[in-house]
Protein backbone atom coordinates (compact mmCIF):
# COMPACT_ATOMS: atom_id res chain seq x y z
CA UNK A 1 -227.93 98.93 72.10
CA UNK A 2 -227.61 96.82 69.06
CA UNK A 3 -223.88 97.27 69.11
CA UNK A 4 -223.55 96.05 72.58
CA UNK A 5 -225.66 93.13 72.04
CA UNK A 6 -223.65 92.28 68.75
CA UNK A 7 -220.47 92.80 70.51
CA UNK A 8 -221.63 90.54 73.46
CA UNK A 9 -222.62 87.92 70.97
CA UNK A 10 -219.60 88.31 69.02
CA UNK A 11 -217.46 87.91 72.42
CA UNK A 12 -219.54 84.81 73.65
CA UNK A 13 -218.83 83.22 70.14
CA UNK A 14 -215.24 83.54 70.26
CA UNK A 15 -215.27 82.18 73.87
CA UNK A 16 -217.41 79.08 72.63
CA UNK A 17 -214.94 78.86 69.46
CA UNK A 18 -212.07 78.57 71.98
CA UNK A 19 -213.85 76.21 73.86
CA UNK A 20 -214.72 74.24 71.01
CA UNK A 21 -211.19 74.04 69.91
CA UNK A 22 -209.78 73.16 73.07
CA UNK A 23 -212.59 70.14 73.22
CA UNK A 24 -211.55 68.94 69.83
CA UNK A 25 -207.94 68.77 70.90
CA UNK A 26 -208.88 67.02 73.94
CA UNK A 27 -210.85 64.51 71.88
CA UNK A 28 -207.75 64.04 69.70
CA UNK A 29 -205.52 63.05 72.70
CA UNK A 30 -208.14 61.01 74.02
CA UNK A 31 -208.45 59.15 70.63
CA UNK A 32 -204.52 58.81 70.40
CA UNK A 33 -204.44 57.52 74.08
CA UNK A 34 -207.33 55.09 73.31
CA UNK A 35 -205.54 53.97 70.28
CA UNK A 36 -202.27 53.28 72.17
CA UNK A 37 -204.10 51.49 74.96
CA UNK A 38 -205.68 49.15 72.15
CA UNK A 39 -202.20 48.34 70.72
CA UNK A 40 -200.93 47.69 74.33
CA UNK A 41 -203.84 45.40 75.08
CA UNK A 42 -203.40 43.66 71.78
CA UNK A 43 -199.92 43.11 72.45
CA UNK A 44 -200.26 41.96 75.92
CA UNK A 45 -203.01 39.36 74.85
CA UNK A 46 -200.58 38.11 72.11
CA UNK A 47 -197.79 37.72 74.69
CA UNK A 48 -199.82 36.16 77.61
CA UNK A 49 -202.21 33.92 75.27
CA UNK A 50 -200.34 30.94 76.01
CA UNK A 51 -199.53 31.59 79.52
CA UNK A 52 -202.09 29.46 81.24
CA UNK A 53 -201.00 26.39 79.22
CA UNK A 54 -197.37 27.14 79.73
CA UNK A 55 -197.74 27.48 83.52
CA UNK A 56 -199.87 23.94 83.71
CA UNK A 57 -196.91 22.37 81.76
CA UNK A 58 -194.35 23.82 84.07
CA UNK A 59 -196.12 22.98 86.99
CA UNK A 60 -196.42 19.20 85.81
CA UNK A 61 -192.74 19.27 84.86
CA UNK A 62 -191.84 20.55 88.39
CA UNK A 63 -193.92 17.94 89.95
CA UNK A 64 -192.34 15.28 87.72
CA UNK A 65 -188.84 16.66 88.87
CA UNK A 66 -189.65 16.55 92.45
CA UNK A 67 -190.70 12.98 92.11
CA UNK A 68 -187.50 11.83 90.44
CA UNK A 69 -185.75 13.73 93.00
CA UNK A 70 -187.32 11.77 95.84
CA UNK A 71 -186.41 8.57 94.01
CA UNK A 72 -182.70 9.35 93.40
CA UNK A 73 -182.29 11.26 96.95
CA UNK A 74 -181.07 7.96 98.62
CA UNK A 75 -178.55 7.21 95.68
CA UNK A 76 -177.36 10.72 95.90
CA UNK A 77 -176.65 10.40 99.70
CA UNK A 78 -174.91 6.99 99.16
CA UNK A 79 -172.62 8.69 96.83
CA UNK A 80 -171.89 11.43 98.97
CA UNK A 81 -170.97 8.98 101.81
CA UNK A 82 -168.99 6.98 99.21
CA UNK A 83 -167.00 10.22 98.39
CA UNK A 84 -166.29 11.29 101.71
CA UNK A 85 -165.05 7.67 102.61
CA UNK A 86 -162.95 7.69 100.07
CA UNK A 87 -161.51 11.13 100.95
CA UNK A 88 -160.95 9.78 104.47
CA UNK A 89 -159.20 6.87 102.86
CA UNK A 90 -156.85 9.04 100.37
CA UNK A 91 -156.04 11.32 103.56
CA UNK A 92 -155.05 8.31 105.55
CA UNK A 93 -153.12 6.72 102.62
CA UNK A 94 -151.02 10.10 102.19
CA UNK A 95 -150.61 10.40 105.80
CA UNK A 96 -149.03 6.92 105.82
CA UNK A 97 -146.89 7.45 102.73
CA UNK A 98 -145.48 10.54 104.72
CA UNK A 99 -144.68 8.36 107.70
CA UNK A 100 -142.90 5.83 105.81
CA UNK A 101 -141.16 8.54 103.89
CA UNK A 102 -139.92 10.16 107.20
CA UNK A 103 -138.82 6.67 108.70
CA UNK A 104 -136.57 5.67 105.93
CA UNK A 105 -132.80 6.20 106.72
CA UNK A 106 -131.06 9.07 104.74
CA UNK A 107 -128.43 7.79 102.66
CA UNK A 108 -125.12 9.79 102.96
CA UNK A 109 -123.81 11.47 100.07
CA UNK A 110 -120.12 11.06 99.15
């Protein structure tokens, strides 16, 4: 009977030892994961620390650019109209030159 109890205790001790080993390995894995997450959080914080200020500066710059665009939009429109007018004038001038060229009498070659 003592042999059975000792054997059972030995078996229980081995099972508990295996469970303890697995718990210890799991703890090591969790520690490594936690360390990795801490490094990730630290790096993310370092990268994003200045982001709110940069976003506010960007928004201010965009607002200023929009205001400037509103101010120069009429000038841009005038330049486009002038460019189109110059293009039409150039086209008419080229056509008038072409008409003059075709109206000139051909000189005979001797």
